[in-house]
């Protein structure tokens, strides 16, 4: 894996990667499911936030003393709308009932 060019960054990157993977491996199935609900609510909240900010960027091309050229405002606003829509879709998709037989089962140990 690539953790950066500096030896210090490589060390920190490796340490963070190791800690994160060890925590995931020791989590129980119920803890992972509760984290899924947290991620779903974050996806919906951030999706709505990105959509609102994207609309503001498109329709308000001047923020205080900082003026944004129209083409940049349209590109940035469009990217935020697409990203917000994708996050909103992912959050709503996790809430909707899944087809029978596709619900993840608890792994056997």
C-alpha atoms as a PDB file:
ATOM      1  CA  UNK A   1       0.000   0.000   0.000  1.00  0.00           C
ATOM      2  CA  UNK A   2       1.027   3.571  -0.580  1.00  0.00           C
ATOM      3  CA  UNK A   3       1.206   5.651   2.592  1.00  0.00           C
ATOM      4  CA  UNK A   4       3.237   8.608   1.317  1.00  0.00           C
ATOM      5  CA  UNK A   5       6.774   9.381   0.313  1.00  0.00           C
ATOM      6  CA  UNK A   6       8.065  10.385   3.723  1.00  0.00           C
ATOM      7  CA  UNK A   7       9.191   7.620   6.095  1.00  0.00           C
ATOM      8  CA  UNK A   8       7.197   9.290   8.879  1.00  0.00           C
ATOM      9  CA  UNK A   9       4.028   9.277   6.752  1.00  0.00           C
ATOM     10  CA  UNK A  10       4.628   5.635   5.861  1.00  0.00           C
ATOM     11  CA  UNK A  11       4.967   4.735   9.523  1.00  0.00           C
ATOM     12  CA  UNK A  12       1.821   6.639  10.521  1.00  0.00           C
ATOM     13  CA  UNK A  13      -0.112   5.251   7.546  1.00  0.00           C
ATOM     14  CA  UNK A  14       0.901   1.699   8.382  1.00  0.00           C
ATOM     15  CA  UNK A  15       0.006   2.193  12.056  1.00  0.00           C
ATOM     16  CA  UNK A  16      -3.433   3.622  11.241  1.00  0.00           C
ATOM     17  CA  UNK A  17      -4.096   0.839   8.717  1.00  0.00           C
ATOM     18  CA  UNK A  18      -3.081  -1.835  11.233  1.00  0.00           C
ATOM     19  CA  UNK A  19      -5.205  -0.380  14.049  1.00  0.00           C
ATOM     20  CA  UNK A  20      -8.250   0.045  11.802  1.00  0.00           C
ATOM     21  CA  UNK A  21      -8.126  -3.494  10.402  1.00  0.00           C
ATOM     22  CA  UNK A  22      -7.601  -5.017  13.854  1.00  0.00           C
ATOM     23  CA  UNK A  23     -10.632  -3.119  15.196  1.00  0.00           C
ATOM     24  CA  UNK A  24     -12.806  -4.287  12.299  1.00  0.00           C
ATOM     25  CA  UNK A  25     -11.745  -7.890  12.798  1.00  0.00           C
ATOM     26  CA  UNK A  26     -12.593  -7.832  16.521  1.00  0.00           C
ATOM     27  CA  UNK A  27     -16.035  -6.216  16.072  1.00  0.00           C
ATOM     28  CA  UNK A  28     -19.024  -8.482  16.504  1.00  0.00           C
ATOM     29  CA  UNK A  29     -21.692  -8.875  13.858  1.00  0.00           C
ATOM     30  CA  UNK A  30     -24.154  -6.715  15.830  1.00  0.00           C
ATOM     31  CA  UNK A  31     -21.594  -3.908  16.154  1.00  0.00           C
ATOM     32  CA  UNK A  32     -21.011  -3.940  12.389  1.00  0.00           C
ATOM     33  CA  UNK A  33     -24.786  -3.773  11.798  1.00  0.00           C
ATOM     34  CA  UNK A  34     -25.128  -0.776  14.123  1.00  0.00           C
ATOM     35  CA  UNK A  35     -22.284   0.925  12.246  1.00  0.00           C
ATOM     36  CA  UNK A  36     -24.240   0.312   9.023  1.00  0.00           C
ATOM     37  CA  UNK A  37     -27.185   2.291  10.412  1.00  0.00           C
ATOM     38  CA  UNK A  38     -24.862   5.129  11.381  1.00  0.00           C
ATOM     39  CA  UNK A  39     -23.382   5.156   7.878  1.00  0.00           C
ATOM     40  CA  UNK A  40     -26.864   5.157   6.341  1.00  0.00           C
ATOM     41  CA  UNK A  41     -27.959   8.194   8.339  1.00  0.00           C
ATOM     42  CA  UNK A  42     -24.680   9.960   7.528  1.00  0.00           C
ATOM     43  CA  UNK A  43     -25.156   9.227   3.815  1.00  0.00           C
ATOM     44  CA  UNK A  44     -28.640  10.729   3.823  1.00  0.00           C
ATOM     45  CA  UNK A  45     -27.610  13.783   5.854  1.00  0.00           C
ATOM     46  CA  UNK A  46     -24.484  14.502   3.839  1.00  0.00           C
ATOM     47  CA  UNK A  47     -26.326  13.869   0.569  1.00  0.00           C
ATOM     48  CA  UNK A  48     -28.934  16.499   1.415  1.00  0.00           C
ATOM     49  CA  UNK A  49     -26.183  18.862   2.581  1.00  0.00           C
ATOM     50  CA  UNK A  50     -24.200  18.474  -0.673  1.00  0.00           C
ATOM     51  CA  UNK A  51     -27.341  18.999  -2.759  1.00  0.00           C
ATOM     52  CA  UNK A  52     -28.202  22.211  -0.885  1.00  0.00           C
ATOM     53  CA  UNK A  53     -24.651  23.556  -1.154  1.00  0.00           C
ATOM     54  CA  UNK A  54     -24.515  22.590  -4.847  1.00  0.00           C
ATOM     55  CA  UNK A  55     -27.726  24.545  -5.508  1.00  0.00           C
ATOM     56  CA  UNK A  56     -26.328  27.535  -3.605  1.00  0.00           C
ATOM     57  CA  UNK A  57     -23.121  27.458  -5.644  1.00  0.00           C
ATOM     58  CA  UNK A  58     -25.051  27.315  -8.924  1.00  0.00           C
ATOM     59  CA  UNK A  59     -27.543  30.066  -8.106  1.00  0.00           C
ATOM     60  CA  UNK A  60     -25.345  32.367  -5.991  1.00  0.00           C
ATOM     61  CA  UNK A  61     -22.227  33.022  -8.017  1.00  0.00           C
ATOM     62  CA  UNK A  62     -20.863  35.568  -5.524  1.00  0.00           C
ATOM     63  CA  UNK A  63     -20.170  34.703  -1.887  1.00  0.00           C
ATOM     64  CA  UNK A  64     -19.507  37.939  -0.042  1.00  0.00           C
ATOM     65  CA  UNK A  65     -16.415  39.459  -1.635  1.00  0.00           C
ATOM     66  CA  UNK A  66     -15.427  36.277  -3.480  1.00  0.00           C
ATOM     67  CA  UNK A  67     -16.875  36.080  -6.987  1.00  0.00           C
ATOM     68  CA  UNK A  68     -16.823  32.732  -8.795  1.00  0.00           C
ATOM     69  CA  UNK A  69     -16.724  32.665 -12.609  1.00  0.00           C
ATOM     70  CA  UNK A  70     -19.998  31.183 -13.963  1.00  0.00           C
ATOM     71  CA  UNK A  71     -18.376  28.152 -15.615  1.00  0.00           C
ATOM     72  CA  UNK A  72     -16.590  27.226 -12.370  1.00  0.00           C
ATOM     73  CA  UNK A  73     -19.819  27.696 -10.399  1.00  0.00           C
ATOM     74  CA  UNK A  74     -21.720  25.400 -12.783  1.00  0.00           C
ATOM     75  CA  UNK A  75     -19.002  22.719 -12.729  1.00  0.00           C
ATOM     76  CA  UNK A  76     -18.553  22.829  -8.940  1.00  0.00           C
ATOM     77  CA  UNK A  77     -22.306  22.960  -8.294  1.00  0.00           C
ATOM     78  CA  UNK A  78     -22.949  20.099 -10.730  1.00  0.00           C
ATOM     79  CA  UNK A  79     -20.278  17.941  -9.118  1.00  0.00           C
ATOM     80  CA  UNK A  80     -21.769  18.605  -5.686  1.00  0.00           C
ATOM     81  CA  UNK A  81     -25.273  17.782  -6.955  1.00  0.00           C
ATOM     82  CA  UNK A  82     -24.069  14.510  -8.484  1.00  0.00           C
ATOM     83  CA  UNK A  83     -22.085  13.568  -5.360  1.00  0.00           C
ATOM     84  CA  UNK A  84     -24.987  14.482  -3.080  1.00  0.00           C
ATOM     85  CA  UNK A  85     -27.408  12.519  -5.236  1.00  0.00           C
ATOM     86  CA  UNK A  86     -25.134   9.472  -5.139  1.00  0.00           C
ATOM     87  CA  UNK A  87     -24.829   9.611  -1.340  1.00  0.00           C
ATOM     88  CA  UNK A  88     -28.568  10.121  -0.961  1.00  0.00           C
ATOM     89  CA  UNK A  89     -29.248   7.152  -3.256  1.00  0.00           C
ATOM     90  CA  UNK A  90     -26.826   4.936  -1.311  1.00  0.00           C
ATOM     91  CA  UNK A  91     -28.442   5.908   2.006  1.00  0.00           C
ATOM     92  CA  UNK A  92     -31.997   5.338   0.764  1.00  0.00           C
ATOM     93  CA  UNK A  93     -31.013   2.046  -0.878  1.00  0.00           C
ATOM     94  CA  UNK A  94     -29.768   0.740   2.482  1.00  0.00           C
ATOM     95  CA  UNK A  95     -33.066   1.672   4.172  1.00  0.00           C
ATOM     96  CA  UNK A  96     -35.351  -0.008   1.634  1.00  0.00           C
ATOM     97  CA  UNK A  97     -36.186  -3.664   2.270  1.00  0.00           C
ATOM     98  CA  UNK A  98     -33.903  -6.070   0.473  1.00  0.00           C
ATOM     99  CA  UNK A  99     -34.977  -8.997  -1.667  1.00  0.00           C
ATOM    100  CA  UNK A 100     -35.502 -12.263   0.233  1.00  0.00           C
ATOM    101  CA  UNK A 101     -32.297 -14.211   0.587  1.00  0.00           C
ATOM    102  CA  UNK A 102     -29.996 -11.214   0.104  1.00  0.00           C
ATOM    103  CA  UNK A 103     -29.904 -10.149   3.756  1.00  0.00           C
ATOM    104  CA  UNK A 104     -26.403 -10.782   5.126  1.00  0.00           C
ATOM    105  CA  UNK A 105     -26.248 -13.516   7.703  1.00  0.00           C
ATOM    106  CA  UNK A 106     -24.068 -13.676  10.754  1.00  0.00           C
ATOM    107  CA  UNK A 107     -20.783 -15.358   9.880  1.00  0.00           C
ATOM    108  CA  UNK A 108     -20.093 -18.709  11.481  1.00  0.00           C
ATOM    109  CA  UNK A 109     -17.110 -18.913  13.769  1.00  0.00           C
END
